[in-house]
Amino acid sequence: MRTRVIICAGAMLAVAGAVCAQAQSIVAMSRAPKTPATSASPGGQDNCKRRLTDRFLGQRYGPAVRSQLTRAVMHDRIRLVHAGVPVTPDYRPDRLNLIIDRQQTIMAIRCG
C-alpha cells in the first residue's frame, strides 16, 4: 500500500512539473516583442520578404489587411499564430508567421 502511494505521488509530481514547464513557455510566447522581428532565416536571408511588412505591426488582422499583406510581399504563404497557442514546428523560411493577440492585433511578424 505504501509503495502505491509513493508511486502515485511521484507520478503526480512529474505531471505537475511538466504542466508548469509548458505553462511557462506559453506565457513567454504570449509576450511577443512589439518591435519588428528580424528574419529567422539562416544567413540573414529574407525569403519570406519580412522586411516589407513593418507597416502592418499594430494593425488589426482581417481580410483587408491580409489582402494588403499578400500584395506587399507578393505571396500568400501567411500563417496566423495566436500568442500563447502552440503551433506545429514545421519551419518554412518562405512563410510569414503573423503573431496576433486576442484582439486580432498583429504583435510580431517573423519568417518560418
N, C-alpha and C. Protein backbone atom coordinates (compact mmCIF):
# COMPACT_ATOMS: atom_id res chain seq x y z
N MET A 1 0.83 -1.18 0.00
CA MET A 1 0.00 0.00 0.00
C MET A 1 0.87 1.26 0.00
N ARG A 2 1.88 1.25 0.85
CA ARG A 2 2.77 2.41 0.93
C ARG A 2 3.51 2.63 -0.39
N THR A 3 3.88 1.55 -1.06
CA THR A 3 4.56 1.64 -2.35
C THR A 3 3.66 2.32 -3.38
N ARG A 4 2.38 1.97 -3.38
CA ARG A 4 1.44 2.58 -4.32
C ARG A 4 1.33 4.09 -4.08
N VAL A 5 1.27 4.48 -2.84
CA VAL A 5 1.16 5.90 -2.51
C VAL A 5 2.40 6.64 -3.00
N ILE A 6 3.57 6.07 -2.79
CA ILE A 6 4.81 6.70 -3.23
C ILE A 6 4.86 6.81 -4.75
N ILE A 7 4.45 5.75 -5.44
CA ILE A 7 4.44 5.76 -6.91
C ILE A 7 3.46 6.81 -7.43
N CYS A 8 2.26 6.85 -6.85
CA CYS A 8 1.25 7.84 -7.27
C CYS A 8 1.73 9.26 -7.00
N ALA A 9 2.34 9.48 -5.86
CA ALA A 9 2.84 10.82 -5.53
C ALA A 9 3.94 11.23 -6.51
N GLY A 10 4.82 10.31 -6.83
CA GLY A 10 5.89 10.60 -7.79
C GLY A 10 5.33 10.92 -9.17
N ALA A 11 4.33 10.16 -9.60
CA ALA A 11 3.71 10.41 -10.90
C ALA A 11 3.03 11.77 -10.93
N MET A 12 2.36 12.12 -9.84
CA MET A 12 1.68 13.42 -9.77
C MET A 12 2.68 14.57 -9.82
N LEU A 13 3.81 14.41 -9.14
CA LEU A 13 4.84 15.45 -9.18
C LEU A 13 5.42 15.61 -10.58
N ALA A 14 5.62 14.51 -11.28
CA ALA A 14 6.15 14.56 -12.64
C ALA A 14 5.18 15.28 -13.57
N VAL A 15 3.90 14.98 -13.46
CA VAL A 15 2.89 15.63 -14.29
C VAL A 15 2.81 17.12 -13.96
N ALA A 16 2.83 17.45 -12.68
CA ALA A 16 2.77 18.86 -12.27
C ALA A 16 3.97 19.63 -12.81
N GLY A 17 5.14 19.04 -12.77
CA GLY A 17 6.33 19.70 -13.30
C GLY A 17 6.23 19.93 -14.79
N ALA A 18 5.70 18.96 -15.53
CA ALA A 18 5.54 19.12 -16.97
C ALA A 18 4.53 20.21 -17.30
N VAL A 19 3.45 20.27 -16.54
CA VAL A 19 2.43 21.29 -16.77
C VAL A 19 3.00 22.67 -16.49
N CYS A 20 3.76 22.83 -15.43
CA CYS A 20 4.36 24.13 -15.11
C CYS A 20 5.33 24.57 -16.20
N ALA A 21 6.14 23.65 -16.70
CA ALA A 21 7.10 24.00 -17.74
C ALA A 21 6.38 24.44 -19.00
N GLN A 22 5.29 23.74 -19.36
CA GLN A 22 4.53 24.11 -20.55
C GLN A 22 3.86 25.46 -20.34
N ALA A 23 3.32 25.70 -19.17
CA ALA A 23 2.66 26.98 -18.89
C ALA A 23 3.65 28.13 -19.00
N GLN A 24 4.89 27.93 -18.53
CA GLN A 24 5.89 28.98 -18.62
C GLN A 24 6.24 29.29 -20.06
N SER A 25 6.33 28.26 -20.92
CA SER A 25 6.66 28.52 -22.32
C SER A 25 5.51 29.22 -23.03
N ILE A 26 4.26 28.91 -22.66
CA ILE A 26 3.12 29.59 -23.26
C ILE A 26 3.09 31.05 -22.84
N VAL A 27 3.37 31.33 -21.58
CA VAL A 27 3.41 32.72 -21.11
C VAL A 27 4.50 33.48 -21.84
N ALA A 28 5.65 32.86 -22.03
CA ALA A 28 6.76 33.52 -22.73
C ALA A 28 6.37 33.83 -24.17
N MET A 29 5.65 32.92 -24.83
CA MET A 29 5.21 33.16 -26.21
C MET A 29 4.19 34.28 -26.28
N SER A 30 3.36 34.42 -25.25
CA SER A 30 2.32 35.44 -25.29
C SER A 30 2.90 36.84 -25.11
N ARG A 31 4.14 36.92 -24.72
CA ARG A 31 4.81 38.22 -24.57
C ARG A 31 5.71 38.49 -25.76
N ALA A 32 5.19 38.30 -26.94
CA ALA A 32 5.98 38.52 -28.16
C ALA A 32 6.37 39.99 -28.25
N PRO A 33 7.56 40.27 -28.74
CA PRO A 33 8.02 41.65 -28.81
C PRO A 33 7.17 42.46 -29.78
N LYS A 34 6.97 43.73 -29.46
CA LYS A 34 6.21 44.61 -30.34
C LYS A 34 7.12 45.32 -31.33
N THR A 35 8.41 45.11 -31.20
CA THR A 35 9.35 45.69 -32.15
C THR A 35 9.47 44.75 -33.34
N PRO A 36 9.83 45.26 -34.50
CA PRO A 36 9.96 44.40 -35.66
C PRO A 36 10.97 43.29 -35.43
N ALA A 37 10.57 42.08 -35.74
CA ALA A 37 11.47 40.94 -35.60
C ALA A 37 12.29 40.81 -36.87
N THR A 38 13.50 40.37 -36.73
CA THR A 38 14.33 40.17 -37.90
C THR A 38 14.01 38.83 -38.53
N SER A 39 14.45 38.65 -39.73
CA SER A 39 14.21 37.40 -40.42
C SER A 39 14.84 36.25 -39.66
N ALA A 40 14.10 35.15 -39.57
CA ALA A 40 14.61 33.99 -38.86
C ALA A 40 15.38 33.06 -39.78
N SER A 41 15.55 33.45 -41.02
CA SER A 41 16.22 32.60 -41.98
C SER A 41 17.71 32.54 -41.71
N PRO A 42 18.31 31.36 -41.88
CA PRO A 42 19.75 31.24 -41.69
C PRO A 42 20.49 32.16 -42.65
N GLY A 43 21.56 32.75 -42.19
CA GLY A 43 22.38 33.61 -43.04
C GLY A 43 21.78 34.98 -43.27
N GLY A 44 20.70 35.32 -42.56
CA GLY A 44 20.10 36.63 -42.70
C GLY A 44 19.29 36.82 -43.97
N GLN A 45 19.01 35.75 -44.71
CA GLN A 45 18.20 35.87 -45.91
C GLN A 45 16.76 36.19 -45.54
N ASP A 46 16.10 36.94 -46.39
CA ASP A 46 14.71 37.32 -46.15
C ASP A 46 13.82 36.62 -47.17
N ASN A 47 13.75 35.30 -47.09
CA ASN A 47 12.99 34.52 -48.05
C ASN A 47 11.50 34.78 -48.01
N CYS A 48 10.98 35.23 -46.87
CA CYS A 48 9.54 35.47 -46.74
C CYS A 48 9.19 36.93 -46.99
N LYS A 49 10.18 37.76 -47.29
CA LYS A 49 10.01 39.20 -47.55
C LYS A 49 9.50 39.95 -46.33
N ARG A 50 9.98 39.56 -45.17
CA ARG A 50 9.62 40.15 -43.89
C ARG A 50 9.90 41.66 -43.86
N ARG A 51 10.95 42.08 -44.52
CA ARG A 51 11.35 43.49 -44.48
C ARG A 51 10.27 44.42 -45.04
N LEU A 52 9.32 43.88 -45.79
CA LEU A 52 8.27 44.69 -46.41
C LEU A 52 7.01 44.81 -45.54
N THR A 53 7.06 44.29 -44.31
CA THR A 53 5.83 44.17 -43.52
C THR A 53 5.76 45.06 -42.28
N ASP A 54 6.75 45.87 -42.02
CA ASP A 54 6.77 46.67 -40.79
C ASP A 54 5.52 47.52 -40.60
N ARG A 55 4.96 48.03 -41.67
CA ARG A 55 3.80 48.92 -41.55
C ARG A 55 2.55 48.21 -41.05
N PHE A 56 2.56 46.88 -41.04
CA PHE A 56 1.39 46.12 -40.58
C PHE A 56 1.40 45.84 -39.08
N LEU A 57 2.54 46.06 -38.43
CA LEU A 57 2.62 45.85 -36.98
C LEU A 57 1.66 46.81 -36.26
N GLY A 58 0.90 46.27 -35.33
CA GLY A 58 -0.04 47.08 -34.57
C GLY A 58 -1.42 47.20 -35.21
N GLN A 59 -1.56 46.72 -36.46
CA GLN A 59 -2.86 46.77 -37.12
C GLN A 59 -3.71 45.57 -36.72
N ARG A 60 -5.02 45.72 -36.79
CA ARG A 60 -5.93 44.59 -36.53
C ARG A 60 -5.98 43.73 -37.78
N TYR A 61 -5.79 42.42 -37.58
CA TYR A 61 -5.81 41.49 -38.70
C TYR A 61 -7.23 41.27 -39.17
N GLY A 62 -7.42 41.24 -40.47
CA GLY A 62 -8.71 40.97 -41.08
C GLY A 62 -8.51 40.73 -42.57
N PRO A 63 -9.59 40.50 -43.31
CA PRO A 63 -9.46 40.22 -44.74
C PRO A 63 -8.74 41.33 -45.52
N ALA A 64 -9.03 42.58 -45.19
CA ALA A 64 -8.39 43.69 -45.92
C ALA A 64 -6.89 43.72 -45.65
N VAL A 65 -6.49 43.53 -44.39
CA VAL A 65 -5.07 43.54 -44.04
C VAL A 65 -4.37 42.35 -44.69
N ARG A 66 -5.00 41.18 -44.69
CA ARG A 66 -4.39 40.01 -45.33
C ARG A 66 -4.18 40.28 -46.82
N SER A 67 -5.15 40.88 -47.46
CA SER A 67 -5.04 41.19 -48.88
C SER A 67 -3.88 42.16 -49.13
N GLN A 68 -3.77 43.18 -48.29
CA GLN A 68 -2.68 44.15 -48.42
C GLN A 68 -1.32 43.49 -48.17
N LEU A 69 -1.26 42.61 -47.17
CA LEU A 69 -0.02 41.89 -46.86
C LEU A 69 0.39 41.01 -48.04
N THR A 70 -0.58 40.29 -48.60
CA THR A 70 -0.31 39.40 -49.73
C THR A 70 0.26 40.18 -50.91
N ARG A 71 -0.32 41.34 -51.17
CA ARG A 71 0.19 42.18 -52.26
C ARG A 71 1.58 42.74 -51.94
N ALA A 72 1.80 43.13 -50.69
CA ALA A 72 3.08 43.73 -50.30
C ALA A 72 4.24 42.74 -50.44
N VAL A 73 4.01 41.49 -50.04
CA VAL A 73 5.10 40.50 -50.07
C VAL A 73 5.07 39.63 -51.32
N MET A 74 4.03 39.79 -52.12
CA MET A 74 3.88 39.08 -53.40
C MET A 74 3.81 37.56 -53.24
N HIS A 75 3.21 37.11 -52.14
CA HIS A 75 2.91 35.69 -51.96
C HIS A 75 1.83 35.55 -50.90
N ASP A 76 1.24 34.35 -50.83
CA ASP A 76 0.16 34.14 -49.85
C ASP A 76 0.52 33.09 -48.80
N ARG A 77 1.80 32.86 -48.60
CA ARG A 77 2.25 31.90 -47.59
C ARG A 77 2.31 32.60 -46.23
N ILE A 78 1.13 32.77 -45.65
CA ILE A 78 0.98 33.52 -44.40
C ILE A 78 0.27 32.62 -43.40
N ARG A 79 0.85 32.49 -42.20
CA ARG A 79 0.24 31.67 -41.14
C ARG A 79 -0.05 32.56 -39.94
N LEU A 80 -1.27 32.43 -39.43
CA LEU A 80 -1.65 33.15 -38.21
C LEU A 80 -1.20 32.34 -37.01
N VAL A 81 -0.57 32.99 -36.07
CA VAL A 81 -0.15 32.36 -34.82
C VAL A 81 -0.74 33.19 -33.69
N HIS A 82 -1.66 32.59 -32.96
CA HIS A 82 -2.26 33.28 -31.82
C HIS A 82 -1.28 33.19 -30.65
N ALA A 83 -0.95 34.32 -30.06
CA ALA A 83 0.02 34.38 -28.96
C ALA A 83 -0.39 33.42 -27.86
N GLY A 84 0.55 32.58 -27.44
CA GLY A 84 0.30 31.64 -26.36
C GLY A 84 -0.29 30.32 -26.79
N VAL A 85 -0.60 30.16 -28.08
CA VAL A 85 -1.19 28.92 -28.57
C VAL A 85 -0.11 28.14 -29.32
N PRO A 86 0.07 26.87 -28.98
CA PRO A 86 1.10 26.07 -29.66
C PRO A 86 0.81 25.92 -31.16
N VAL A 87 1.86 25.87 -31.95
CA VAL A 87 1.75 25.63 -33.38
C VAL A 87 2.69 24.50 -33.76
N THR A 88 2.47 23.93 -34.93
CA THR A 88 3.36 22.88 -35.39
C THR A 88 4.73 23.49 -35.66
N PRO A 89 5.81 22.76 -35.36
CA PRO A 89 7.15 23.33 -35.51
C PRO A 89 7.73 23.20 -36.91
N ASP A 90 6.89 23.06 -37.93
CA ASP A 90 7.42 22.93 -39.28
C ASP A 90 7.96 24.27 -39.76
N TYR A 91 9.24 24.34 -39.99
CA TYR A 91 9.90 25.59 -40.37
C TYR A 91 9.89 25.73 -41.89
N ARG A 92 9.35 26.83 -42.37
CA ARG A 92 9.36 27.15 -43.80
C ARG A 92 9.92 28.56 -43.94
N PRO A 93 11.12 28.72 -44.42
CA PRO A 93 11.74 30.04 -44.49
C PRO A 93 10.99 31.01 -45.41
N ASP A 94 10.16 30.48 -46.31
CA ASP A 94 9.43 31.35 -47.24
C ASP A 94 8.04 31.73 -46.74
N ARG A 95 7.70 31.39 -45.49
CA ARG A 95 6.37 31.67 -44.95
C ARG A 95 6.44 32.79 -43.91
N LEU A 96 5.45 33.67 -43.92
CA LEU A 96 5.32 34.70 -42.89
C LEU A 96 4.46 34.15 -41.76
N ASN A 97 4.91 34.31 -40.54
CA ASN A 97 4.10 34.00 -39.36
C ASN A 97 3.66 35.31 -38.74
N LEU A 98 2.36 35.52 -38.67
CA LEU A 98 1.81 36.71 -38.03
C LEU A 98 1.41 36.33 -36.62
N ILE A 99 2.04 36.92 -35.62
CA ILE A 99 1.69 36.65 -34.22
C ILE A 99 0.66 37.70 -33.82
N ILE A 100 -0.55 37.22 -33.48
CA ILE A 100 -1.63 38.14 -33.15
C ILE A 100 -2.12 37.88 -31.72
N ASP A 101 -2.66 38.93 -31.10
CA ASP A 101 -3.18 38.79 -29.75
C ASP A 101 -4.69 38.49 -29.80
N ARG A 102 -5.33 38.50 -28.65
CA ARG A 102 -6.76 38.15 -28.58
C ARG A 102 -7.65 39.16 -29.30
N GLN A 103 -7.17 40.38 -29.46
CA GLN A 103 -7.95 41.40 -30.16
C GLN A 103 -7.63 41.41 -31.66
N GLN A 104 -6.89 40.39 -32.12
CA GLN A 104 -6.50 40.25 -33.53
C GLN A 104 -5.50 41.32 -33.98
N THR A 105 -4.79 41.92 -33.03
CA THR A 105 -3.77 42.91 -33.36
C THR A 105 -2.46 42.20 -33.69
N ILE A 106 -1.82 42.59 -34.78
CA ILE A 106 -0.56 41.97 -35.19
C ILE A 106 0.54 42.48 -34.27
N MET A 107 1.10 41.56 -33.46
CA MET A 107 2.12 41.91 -32.48
C MET A 107 3.53 41.74 -33.02
N ALA A 108 3.73 40.75 -33.90
CA ALA A 108 5.05 40.48 -34.46
C ALA A 108 4.88 39.74 -35.78
N ILE A 109 5.88 39.85 -36.63
CA ILE A 109 5.87 39.15 -37.92
C ILE A 109 7.25 38.53 -38.08
N ARG A 110 7.26 37.23 -38.37
CA ARG A 110 8.53 36.50 -38.48
C ARG A 110 8.49 35.55 -39.67
N CYS A 111 9.65 35.23 -40.19
CA CYS A 111 9.74 34.18 -41.20
C CYS A 111 9.69 32.83 -40.51
N GLY A 112 9.21 31.85 -41.20
CA GLY A 112 9.21 30.49 -40.65
C GLY A 112 7.94 29.82 -40.87
